[in-house]
């Protein structure tokens, strides 16, 4: 056998060349395949970026529209709902609450609110954030607890009318919120 290998010196060279060419072919095929995939990725990147930027601009447009048209919001099951009046936000927050507890009403901007005949009889929180709510009539709290929080202010339009009347209910002011005049 050894003699045969010594006599066939050219056959080992052929095997080596075939093996090397096979590896070169496989590596070239892998490179061409990955280059093709990368090329298609580079083509789609501007389209993806354009779609994401449009969606982001649209979302900011909706947010700006909602906060300029509506004064109040609530979060219900992870969804934000917007309202033009305190009464409509209050009605929705108590209807979606359990038993005697409602939820939180967020003040989105400075407002002047018509509170004629508004009575609160459930446990609700009004988060002023850093905004001011000016009211024209005293709000009667007849049951439950109304919590006012945030760093904003609730004040009467004339400066002397009470902001809240505790007729069987309770009003808590926390977190730096102010009532003018106070309770």
N, C-alpha and C. Protein backbone atom coordinates (compact mmCIF):
# COMPACT_ATOMS: atom_id res chain seq x y z
N UNK A 1 0.82 -1.17 0.00
CA UNK A 1 0.00 0.00 0.00
C UNK A 1 0.88 1.26 0.00
N UNK A 2 1.92 1.18 0.76
CA UNK A 2 2.82 2.30 0.82
C UNK A 2 3.46 2.55 -0.54
N UNK A 3 3.75 1.54 -1.17
CA UNK A 3 4.34 1.67 -2.50
C UNK A 3 3.35 2.32 -3.46
N UNK A 4 2.12 1.93 -3.31
CA UNK A 4 1.10 2.47 -4.22
C UNK A 4 0.98 4.01 -4.02
N UNK A 5 0.98 4.48 -2.73
CA UNK A 5 0.89 5.90 -2.47
C UNK A 5 2.12 6.63 -3.01
N UNK A 6 3.27 5.99 -2.89
CA UNK A 6 4.47 6.63 -3.41
C UNK A 6 4.43 6.73 -4.92
N UNK A 7 3.78 5.78 -5.58
CA UNK A 7 3.68 5.78 -7.03
C UNK A 7 2.63 6.78 -7.52
N UNK A 8 1.62 7.09 -6.72
CA UNK A 8 0.51 7.98 -7.10
C UNK A 8 0.69 9.37 -6.47
N UNK A 9 1.78 10.04 -6.72
CA UNK A 9 2.09 11.32 -6.11
C UNK A 9 1.12 12.42 -6.58
N UNK A 10 0.62 12.42 -7.71
CA UNK A 10 -0.27 13.45 -8.25
C UNK A 10 -1.68 13.34 -7.70
N UNK A 11 -2.11 12.15 -7.24
CA UNK A 11 -3.48 11.98 -6.76
C UNK A 11 -3.71 12.75 -5.46
N UNK A 12 -2.73 12.85 -4.58
CA UNK A 12 -2.89 13.59 -3.33
C UNK A 12 -3.05 15.08 -3.63
N UNK A 13 -2.38 15.55 -4.62
CA UNK A 13 -2.51 16.95 -5.00
C UNK A 13 -3.92 17.23 -5.51
N UNK A 14 -4.46 16.32 -6.28
CA UNK A 14 -5.82 16.47 -6.81
C UNK A 14 -6.83 16.48 -5.66
N UNK A 15 -6.69 15.55 -4.71
CA UNK A 15 -7.60 15.53 -3.55
C UNK A 15 -7.51 16.84 -2.76
N UNK A 16 -6.32 17.34 -2.57
CA UNK A 16 -6.14 18.59 -1.82
C UNK A 16 -6.79 19.76 -2.55
N UNK A 17 -6.60 19.85 -3.83
CA UNK A 17 -7.17 20.95 -4.61
C UNK A 17 -8.70 20.87 -4.62
N UNK A 18 -9.26 19.67 -4.78
CA UNK A 18 -10.71 19.50 -4.78
C UNK A 18 -11.29 19.91 -3.41
N UNK A 19 -10.65 19.51 -2.34
CA UNK A 19 -11.11 19.86 -0.99
C UNK A 19 -11.06 21.37 -0.79
N UNK A 20 -9.97 22.00 -1.18
CA UNK A 20 -9.83 23.45 -1.02
C UNK A 20 -10.87 24.19 -1.85
N UNK A 21 -11.08 23.76 -3.09
CA UNK A 21 -12.08 24.40 -3.95
C UNK A 21 -13.49 24.21 -3.39
N UNK A 22 -13.76 23.05 -2.80
CA UNK A 22 -15.07 22.81 -2.18
C UNK A 22 -15.30 23.78 -1.03
N UNK A 23 -14.32 23.98 -0.18
CA UNK A 23 -14.43 24.93 0.93
C UNK A 23 -14.62 26.36 0.42
N UNK A 24 -13.86 26.70 -0.63
CA UNK A 24 -14.00 28.04 -1.20
C UNK A 24 -15.41 28.24 -1.76
N UNK A 25 -15.95 27.24 -2.42
CA UNK A 25 -17.29 27.31 -2.97
C UNK A 25 -18.34 27.48 -1.85
N UNK A 26 -18.21 26.69 -0.79
CA UNK A 26 -19.17 26.77 0.34
C UNK A 26 -19.07 28.14 1.02
N UNK A 27 -17.87 28.62 1.27
CA UNK A 27 -17.70 29.92 1.92
C UNK A 27 -18.22 31.04 1.02
N UNK A 28 -17.99 30.95 -0.28
CA UNK A 28 -18.50 31.97 -1.22
C UNK A 28 -20.03 31.97 -1.23
N UNK A 29 -20.64 30.81 -1.21
CA UNK A 29 -22.10 30.72 -1.20
C UNK A 29 -22.67 31.34 0.08
N UNK A 30 -22.05 31.06 1.22
CA UNK A 30 -22.49 31.66 2.48
C UNK A 30 -22.33 33.18 2.45
N UNK A 31 -21.23 33.66 1.94
CA UNK A 31 -20.99 35.10 1.86
C UNK A 31 -22.02 35.78 0.96
N UNK A 32 -22.27 35.19 -0.20
CA UNK A 32 -23.24 35.77 -1.15
C UNK A 32 -24.64 35.76 -0.55
N UNK A 33 -25.00 34.73 0.16
CA UNK A 33 -26.32 34.66 0.80
C UNK A 33 -26.47 35.72 1.88
N UNK A 34 -25.46 35.86 2.72
CA UNK A 34 -25.55 36.87 3.79
C UNK A 34 -25.49 38.28 3.21
N UNK A 35 -24.75 38.50 2.13
CA UNK A 35 -24.70 39.81 1.49
C UNK A 35 -26.06 40.16 0.90
N UNK A 36 -26.75 39.19 0.36
CA UNK A 36 -28.08 39.41 -0.20
C UNK A 36 -29.08 39.78 0.90
N UNK A 37 -29.02 39.09 2.02
CA UNK A 37 -29.91 39.39 3.15
C UNK A 37 -29.62 40.80 3.67
N UNK A 38 -28.37 41.14 3.82
CA UNK A 38 -27.99 42.47 4.32
C UNK A 38 -28.45 43.56 3.36
N UNK A 39 -28.35 43.31 2.07
CA UNK A 39 -28.78 44.27 1.07
C UNK A 39 -30.28 44.53 1.18
N UNK A 40 -31.05 43.48 1.37
CA UNK A 40 -32.51 43.66 1.52
C UNK A 40 -32.84 44.37 2.84
N UNK A 41 -32.08 44.11 3.89
CA UNK A 41 -32.28 44.81 5.16
C UNK A 41 -32.02 46.30 4.99
N UNK A 42 -30.95 46.65 4.29
CA UNK A 42 -30.62 48.06 4.08
C UNK A 42 -31.68 48.76 3.25
N UNK A 43 -32.32 48.04 2.32
CA UNK A 43 -33.39 48.63 1.52
C UNK A 43 -34.64 48.90 2.36
N UNK A 44 -34.95 48.02 3.32
CA UNK A 44 -36.17 48.18 4.12
C UNK A 44 -36.00 49.14 5.29
N UNK A 45 -34.79 49.42 5.72
CA UNK A 45 -34.57 50.31 6.87
C UNK A 45 -35.18 51.70 6.68
N UNK A 46 -34.99 52.37 5.55
CA UNK A 46 -35.63 53.68 5.40
C UNK A 46 -37.15 53.61 5.45
N UNK A 47 -37.72 52.55 4.89
CA UNK A 47 -39.18 52.39 4.94
C UNK A 47 -39.66 52.20 6.37
N UNK A 48 -38.96 51.39 7.14
CA UNK A 48 -39.33 51.17 8.54
C UNK A 48 -39.21 52.47 9.33
N UNK A 49 -38.13 53.19 9.12
CA UNK A 49 -37.92 54.46 9.82
C UNK A 49 -39.04 55.44 9.47
N UNK A 50 -39.42 55.51 8.21
CA UNK A 50 -40.49 56.41 7.77
C UNK A 50 -41.82 56.06 8.45
N UNK A 51 -42.13 54.78 8.53
CA UNK A 51 -43.38 54.35 9.15
C UNK A 51 -43.38 54.69 10.64
N UNK A 52 -42.29 54.42 11.33
CA UNK A 52 -42.23 54.74 12.76
C UNK A 52 -42.31 56.24 13.01
N UNK A 53 -41.67 57.05 12.19
CA UNK A 53 -41.74 58.49 12.38
C UNK A 53 -43.13 59.03 12.13
N UNK A 54 -43.82 58.50 11.12
CA UNK A 54 -45.20 58.93 10.86
C UNK A 54 -46.08 58.59 12.04
N UNK A 55 -45.97 57.39 12.57
CA UNK A 55 -46.80 56.97 13.68
C UNK A 55 -46.53 57.85 14.90
N UNK A 56 -45.28 58.18 15.14
CA UNK A 56 -44.92 59.00 16.29
C UNK A 56 -45.49 60.41 16.13
N UNK A 57 -45.39 60.98 14.94
CA UNK A 57 -45.96 62.30 14.70
C UNK A 57 -47.48 62.26 14.88
N UNK A 58 -48.12 61.20 14.44
CA UNK A 58 -49.56 61.04 14.58
C UNK A 58 -49.95 60.96 16.05
N UNK A 59 -49.18 60.20 16.83
CA UNK A 59 -49.47 60.06 18.26
C UNK A 59 -49.35 61.40 18.96
N UNK A 60 -48.31 62.17 18.67
CA UNK A 60 -48.17 63.48 19.29
C UNK A 60 -49.29 64.42 18.86
N UNK A 61 -49.73 64.29 17.63
CA UNK A 61 -50.85 65.10 17.16
C UNK A 61 -52.12 64.80 17.93
N UNK A 62 -52.39 63.52 18.17
CA UNK A 62 -53.57 63.13 18.94
C UNK A 62 -53.44 63.64 20.36
N UNK A 63 -52.27 63.49 20.98
CA UNK A 63 -52.07 63.95 22.35
C UNK A 63 -52.31 65.46 22.44
N UNK A 64 -51.72 66.22 21.51
CA UNK A 64 -51.90 67.67 21.55
C UNK A 64 -53.35 68.06 21.33
N UNK A 65 -54.03 67.36 20.44
CA UNK A 65 -55.44 67.64 20.19
C UNK A 65 -56.27 67.37 21.44
N UNK A 66 -56.01 66.24 22.09
CA UNK A 66 -56.78 65.87 23.28
C UNK A 66 -56.54 66.85 24.42
N UNK A 67 -55.31 67.26 24.62
CA UNK A 67 -55.04 68.13 25.76
C UNK A 67 -55.45 69.57 25.49
N UNK A 68 -55.66 69.96 24.24
CA UNK A 68 -56.15 71.31 23.99
C UNK A 68 -57.67 71.36 23.98
N UNK A 69 -58.33 70.31 23.54
CA UNK A 69 -59.79 70.28 23.49
C UNK A 69 -60.42 69.86 24.80
N UNK A 70 -59.74 69.01 25.56
CA UNK A 70 -60.33 68.45 26.76
C UNK A 70 -59.53 68.85 27.99
N UNK A 71 -60.24 69.04 29.09
CA UNK A 71 -59.61 69.52 30.31
C UNK A 71 -59.32 68.42 31.32
N UNK A 72 -60.03 67.29 31.23
CA UNK A 72 -59.94 66.24 32.24
C UNK A 72 -59.70 64.90 31.56
N UNK A 73 -59.05 64.00 32.30
CA UNK A 73 -58.88 62.64 31.80
C UNK A 73 -58.98 61.67 32.96
N UNK A 74 -59.34 60.42 32.63
CA UNK A 74 -59.30 59.33 33.60
C UNK A 74 -58.63 58.16 32.91
N UNK A 75 -58.10 57.26 33.71
CA UNK A 75 -57.51 56.03 33.17
C UNK A 75 -58.39 54.89 33.62
N UNK A 76 -58.95 54.16 32.66
CA UNK A 76 -59.85 53.06 32.95
C UNK A 76 -59.35 51.81 32.22
N UNK A 77 -58.96 50.80 32.96
CA UNK A 77 -58.45 49.55 32.37
C UNK A 77 -57.30 49.81 31.40
N UNK A 78 -56.43 50.73 31.74
CA UNK A 78 -55.27 51.02 30.90
C UNK A 78 -55.55 51.96 29.75
N UNK A 79 -56.81 52.35 29.54
CA UNK A 79 -57.17 53.27 28.46
C UNK A 79 -57.40 54.66 29.03
N UNK A 80 -56.91 55.67 28.33
CA UNK A 80 -57.11 57.06 28.77
C UNK A 80 -58.34 57.59 28.06
N UNK A 81 -59.25 58.18 28.85
CA UNK A 81 -60.44 58.82 28.30
C UNK A 81 -60.37 60.30 28.66
N UNK A 82 -60.81 61.15 27.73
CA UNK A 82 -60.75 62.59 27.92
C UNK A 82 -62.16 63.18 28.00
N UNK A 83 -62.29 64.27 28.79
CA UNK A 83 -63.59 64.89 29.03
C UNK A 83 -63.44 66.40 29.01
N UNK A 84 -64.50 67.07 28.59
CA UNK A 84 -64.50 68.53 28.54
C UNK A 84 -64.89 69.14 29.88
N UNK A 85 -65.69 68.42 30.68
CA UNK A 85 -66.17 68.99 31.95
C UNK A 85 -65.85 68.06 33.12
N UNK A 86 -65.78 68.65 34.31
CA UNK A 86 -65.56 67.87 35.52
C UNK A 86 -66.73 66.92 35.75
N UNK A 87 -67.94 67.38 35.48
CA UNK A 87 -69.14 66.56 35.70
C UNK A 87 -69.08 65.29 34.84
N UNK A 88 -68.74 65.40 33.56
CA UNK A 88 -68.69 64.21 32.70
C UNK A 88 -67.58 63.26 33.13
N UNK A 89 -66.43 63.79 33.56
CA UNK A 89 -65.34 62.93 34.05
C UNK A 89 -65.76 62.24 35.35
N UNK A 90 -66.40 63.00 36.24
CA UNK A 90 -66.85 62.44 37.52
C UNK A 90 -67.89 61.33 37.28
N UNK A 91 -68.86 61.58 36.41
CA UNK A 91 -69.89 60.57 36.13
C UNK A 91 -69.27 59.28 35.62
N UNK A 92 -68.29 59.38 34.72
CA UNK A 92 -67.66 58.17 34.18
C UNK A 92 -66.80 57.47 35.21
N UNK A 93 -66.05 58.22 36.01
CA UNK A 93 -65.16 57.58 36.99
C UNK A 93 -65.97 56.86 38.07
N UNK A 94 -67.12 57.39 38.47
CA UNK A 94 -67.90 56.68 39.50
C UNK A 94 -68.67 55.51 38.91
N UNK A 95 -69.05 55.60 37.65
CA UNK A 95 -69.75 54.48 37.03
C UNK A 95 -68.84 53.29 36.77
N UNK A 96 -67.54 53.55 36.64
CA UNK A 96 -66.58 52.48 36.41
C UNK A 96 -65.92 52.01 37.70
N UNK A 97 -66.23 52.65 38.82
CA UNK A 97 -65.65 52.26 40.10
C UNK A 97 -66.43 51.12 40.73
N UNK A 98 -65.86 50.52 41.75
CA UNK A 98 -66.51 49.42 42.45
C UNK A 98 -67.10 49.94 43.74
N UNK A 99 -68.31 49.53 44.04
CA UNK A 99 -69.00 49.92 45.27
C UNK A 99 -69.01 51.43 45.41
N UNK A 100 -68.36 51.93 46.45
CA UNK A 100 -68.41 53.36 46.74
C UNK A 100 -67.14 54.07 46.30
N UNK A 101 -66.23 53.35 45.63
CA UNK A 101 -64.98 53.98 45.25
C UNK A 101 -64.93 54.16 43.74
N UNK A 102 -64.48 55.30 43.33
CA UNK A 102 -64.37 55.58 41.90
C UNK A 102 -62.95 55.40 41.44
N UNK A 103 -62.33 56.48 41.06
CA UNK A 103 -60.97 56.45 40.57
C UNK A 103 -60.36 57.82 40.66
N UNK A 104 -59.48 58.13 39.71
CA UNK A 104 -58.78 59.41 39.73
C UNK A 104 -59.12 60.20 38.47
N UNK A 105 -59.43 61.46 38.67
CA UNK A 105 -59.66 62.40 37.57
C UNK A 105 -58.42 63.29 37.50
N UNK A 106 -57.82 63.38 36.31
CA UNK A 106 -56.60 64.18 36.12
C UNK A 106 -56.97 65.48 35.42
N UNK A 107 -56.54 66.60 35.99
CA UNK A 107 -56.74 67.91 35.37
C UNK A 107 -55.61 68.11 34.36
N UNK A 108 -55.96 68.33 33.09
CA UNK A 108 -54.96 68.41 32.02
C UNK A 108 -54.41 69.81 31.78
N UNK A 109 -55.19 70.83 32.19
CA UNK A 109 -54.75 72.21 31.94
C UNK A 109 -55.50 73.13 32.88
N UNK A 110 -55.14 74.38 32.91
CA UNK A 110 -55.86 75.36 33.72
C UNK A 110 -57.25 75.54 33.14
N UNK A 111 -58.28 75.52 34.02
CA UNK A 111 -59.66 75.62 33.54
C UNK A 111 -60.48 76.53 34.44
N UNK A 112 -61.55 77.06 33.85
CA UNK A 112 -62.62 77.71 34.60
C UNK A 112 -63.83 76.81 34.42
N UNK A 113 -64.34 76.29 35.53
CA UNK A 113 -65.36 75.23 35.49
C UNK A 113 -66.69 75.72 36.05
N UNK A 114 -67.76 75.42 35.34
CA UNK A 114 -69.11 75.70 35.84
C UNK A 114 -69.53 74.52 36.71
N UNK A 115 -69.58 74.74 38.02
CA UNK A 115 -69.89 73.64 38.95
C UNK A 115 -71.28 73.78 39.55
N UNK A 116 -72.16 74.48 38.86
CA UNK A 116 -73.53 74.68 39.34
C UNK A 116 -74.21 73.32 39.54
N UNK A 117 -74.65 73.05 40.77
CA UNK A 117 -75.38 71.82 41.08
C UNK A 117 -74.53 70.57 41.16
N UNK A 118 -73.21 70.68 41.13
CA UNK A 118 -72.36 69.49 41.17
C UNK A 118 -72.26 68.96 42.60
N UNK A 119 -72.68 67.72 42.78
CA UNK A 119 -72.59 67.05 44.08
C UNK A 119 -71.77 65.78 43.91
N UNK A 120 -70.85 65.56 44.81
CA UNK A 120 -70.00 64.38 44.78
C UNK A 120 -70.39 63.49 45.96
N UNK A 121 -70.69 62.22 45.66
CA UNK A 121 -71.13 61.31 46.72
C UNK A 121 -70.42 59.96 46.67
N UNK A 122 -69.30 59.91 46.03
CA UNK A 122 -68.48 58.69 45.97
C UNK A 122 -67.04 59.05 46.32
N UNK A 123 -66.24 58.04 46.58
CA UNK A 123 -64.83 58.27 46.87
C UNK A 123 -64.08 58.44 45.55
N UNK A 124 -63.53 59.64 45.35
CA UNK A 124 -62.88 60.01 44.10
C UNK A 124 -61.65 60.86 44.43
N UNK A 125 -60.64 60.80 43.56
CA UNK A 125 -59.46 61.65 43.68
C UNK A 125 -59.40 62.58 42.48
N UNK A 126 -59.13 63.85 42.73
CA UNK A 126 -58.86 64.80 41.64
C UNK A 126 -57.38 65.14 41.73
N UNK A 127 -56.64 64.79 40.68
CA UNK A 127 -55.20 65.09 40.61
C UNK A 127 -55.04 66.37 39.78
N UNK A 128 -54.72 67.45 40.46
CA UNK A 128 -54.58 68.74 39.79
C UNK A 128 -53.30 68.82 38.97
N UNK A 129 -52.38 67.90 39.22
CA UNK A 129 -51.03 67.96 38.67
C UNK A 129 -50.46 69.32 39.08
N UNK A 130 -50.19 70.23 38.18
CA UNK A 130 -49.72 71.56 38.59
C UNK A 130 -50.64 72.64 38.01
N UNK A 131 -51.88 72.27 37.74
CA UNK A 131 -52.84 73.17 37.10
C UNK A 131 -53.76 73.84 38.11
N UNK A 132 -54.51 74.83 37.63
CA UNK A 132 -55.45 75.58 38.46
C UNK A 132 -56.86 75.39 37.92
N UNK A 133 -57.80 75.08 38.83
CA UNK A 133 -59.20 74.98 38.48
C UNK A 133 -59.94 76.11 39.20
N UNK A 134 -60.59 76.95 38.42
CA UNK A 134 -61.39 78.04 39.00
C UNK A 134 -62.85 77.63 38.89
N UNK A 135 -63.58 77.64 40.02
CA UNK A 135 -64.97 77.20 40.03
C UNK A 135 -65.89 78.36 40.37
N UNK A 136 -67.14 78.29 39.86
CA UNK A 136 -68.07 79.39 40.08
C UNK A 136 -69.04 79.13 41.24
N UNK A 137 -69.23 77.86 41.63
CA UNK A 137 -70.15 77.51 42.72
C UNK A 137 -69.48 76.49 43.62
N UNK A 138 -69.91 76.45 44.87
CA UNK A 138 -69.39 75.49 45.83
C UNK A 138 -69.77 74.07 45.42
N UNK A 139 -68.82 73.14 45.49
CA UNK A 139 -69.09 71.73 45.19
C UNK A 139 -69.46 71.05 46.51
N UNK A 140 -70.61 70.40 46.55
CA UNK A 140 -71.08 69.71 47.75
C UNK A 140 -70.60 68.27 47.74
N UNK A 141 -69.93 67.87 48.82
CA UNK A 141 -69.49 66.49 48.99
C UNK A 141 -70.42 65.87 50.02
N UNK A 142 -71.37 65.04 49.54
CA UNK A 142 -72.44 64.54 50.40
C UNK A 142 -72.16 63.15 50.96
N UNK A 143 -71.23 62.43 50.41
CA UNK A 143 -70.86 61.10 50.91
C UNK A 143 -69.49 60.75 50.34
N UNK A 144 -68.87 59.71 50.89
CA UNK A 144 -67.57 59.29 50.39
C UNK A 144 -66.49 60.30 50.74
N UNK A 145 -65.34 60.14 50.10
CA UNK A 145 -64.19 61.01 50.36
C UNK A 145 -63.68 61.56 49.04
N UNK A 146 -63.52 62.85 48.98
CA UNK A 146 -62.91 63.50 47.83
C UNK A 146 -61.49 63.88 48.22
N UNK A 147 -60.51 63.35 47.50
CA UNK A 147 -59.11 63.66 47.76
C UNK A 147 -58.61 64.57 46.65
N UNK A 148 -58.04 65.69 47.03
CA UNK A 148 -57.44 66.63 46.09
C UNK A 148 -55.93 66.49 46.24
N UNK A 149 -55.23 66.18 45.14
CA UNK A 149 -53.78 66.02 45.22
C UNK A 149 -53.11 66.73 44.06
N UNK A 150 -51.80 66.76 44.09
CA UNK A 150 -51.02 67.45 43.08
C UNK A 150 -50.49 68.74 43.66
N UNK A 151 -49.91 69.57 42.81
CA UNK A 151 -49.36 70.83 43.29
C UNK A 151 -50.16 72.02 42.77
N UNK A 152 -51.36 71.77 42.27
CA UNK A 152 -52.19 72.83 41.71
C UNK A 152 -53.10 73.47 42.74
N UNK A 153 -54.05 74.27 42.22
CA UNK A 153 -54.94 75.04 43.07
C UNK A 153 -56.38 74.93 42.57
N UNK A 154 -57.32 74.85 43.52
CA UNK A 154 -58.74 75.01 43.20
C UNK A 154 -59.17 76.28 43.92
N UNK A 155 -59.71 77.23 43.14
CA UNK A 155 -60.10 78.49 43.76
C UNK A 155 -61.46 78.92 43.23
N UNK A 156 -62.16 79.68 44.08
CA UNK A 156 -63.47 80.18 43.66
C UNK A 156 -63.27 81.40 42.78
N UNK A 157 -64.23 81.59 41.87
CA UNK A 157 -64.12 82.69 40.90
C UNK A 157 -64.14 84.05 41.57
N UNK A 158 -64.94 84.19 42.65
CA UNK A 158 -65.03 85.49 43.31
C UNK A 158 -64.05 85.65 44.46
N UNK A 159 -63.35 84.58 44.81
CA UNK A 159 -62.34 84.64 45.86
C UNK A 159 -62.86 84.48 47.28
N UNK A 160 -64.21 84.47 47.44
CA UNK A 160 -64.75 84.35 48.79
C UNK A 160 -65.68 83.16 48.98
N UNK A 161 -66.27 82.64 47.91
CA UNK A 161 -67.16 81.49 48.02
C UNK A 161 -66.36 80.24 48.37
N UNK A 162 -66.88 79.43 49.28
CA UNK A 162 -66.19 78.18 49.64
C UNK A 162 -66.06 77.30 48.40
N UNK A 163 -64.94 76.61 48.30
CA UNK A 163 -64.75 75.71 47.16
C UNK A 163 -65.50 74.40 47.35
N UNK A 164 -65.49 73.86 48.59
CA UNK A 164 -66.17 72.60 48.86
C UNK A 164 -66.98 72.71 50.15
N UNK A 165 -68.11 72.04 50.16
CA UNK A 165 -68.95 71.93 51.35
C UNK A 165 -68.97 70.48 51.77
N UNK A 166 -68.61 70.17 52.99
CA UNK A 166 -68.59 68.80 53.48
C UNK A 166 -69.93 68.50 54.16
N UNK A 167 -70.91 68.08 53.39
CA UNK A 167 -72.25 67.75 53.90
C UNK A 167 -72.40 66.23 54.01
N UNK A 168 -71.70 65.60 54.92
CA UNK A 168 -71.76 64.15 55.08
C UNK A 168 -70.58 63.44 54.44
N UNK A 169 -69.85 64.11 53.59
CA UNK A 169 -68.66 63.54 52.97
C UNK A 169 -67.42 64.21 53.53
N UNK A 170 -66.28 63.79 53.05
CA UNK A 170 -65.02 64.30 53.57
C UNK A 170 -64.15 64.77 52.41
N UNK A 171 -63.42 65.86 52.61
CA UNK A 171 -62.48 66.38 51.61
C UNK A 171 -61.08 66.33 52.21
N UNK A 172 -60.15 65.65 51.54
CA UNK A 172 -58.75 65.59 51.94
C UNK A 172 -57.92 66.34 50.90
N UNK A 173 -57.03 67.19 51.36
CA UNK A 173 -56.13 67.93 50.48
C UNK A 173 -54.71 67.47 50.79
N UNK A 174 -54.04 66.86 49.81
CA UNK A 174 -52.71 66.28 50.04
C UNK A 174 -51.75 66.69 48.93
N UNK A 175 -50.47 66.49 49.20
CA UNK A 175 -49.44 66.63 48.17
C UNK A 175 -49.19 68.05 47.70
N UNK A 176 -49.46 69.05 48.52
CA UNK A 176 -49.18 70.43 48.11
C UNK A 176 -50.32 71.11 47.39
N UNK A 177 -51.45 70.42 47.20
CA UNK A 177 -52.61 71.06 46.56
C UNK A 177 -53.15 72.15 47.46
N UNK A 178 -53.74 73.18 46.86
CA UNK A 178 -54.26 74.31 47.64
C UNK A 178 -55.71 74.57 47.26
N UNK A 179 -56.50 74.97 48.26
CA UNK A 179 -57.87 75.44 48.04
C UNK A 179 -57.92 76.90 48.43
N UNK A 180 -58.51 77.73 47.57
CA UNK A 180 -58.61 79.16 47.88
C UNK A 180 -60.06 79.59 47.71
N UNK A 181 -60.80 79.96 48.69
CA UNK A 181 -60.43 79.92 50.10
C UNK A 181 -60.41 78.49 50.60
N UNK A 182 -59.78 78.27 51.75
CA UNK A 182 -59.67 76.92 52.29
C UNK A 182 -61.02 76.45 52.81
N UNK A 183 -61.10 75.19 53.21
CA UNK A 183 -62.36 74.60 53.68
C UNK A 183 -62.95 75.32 54.86
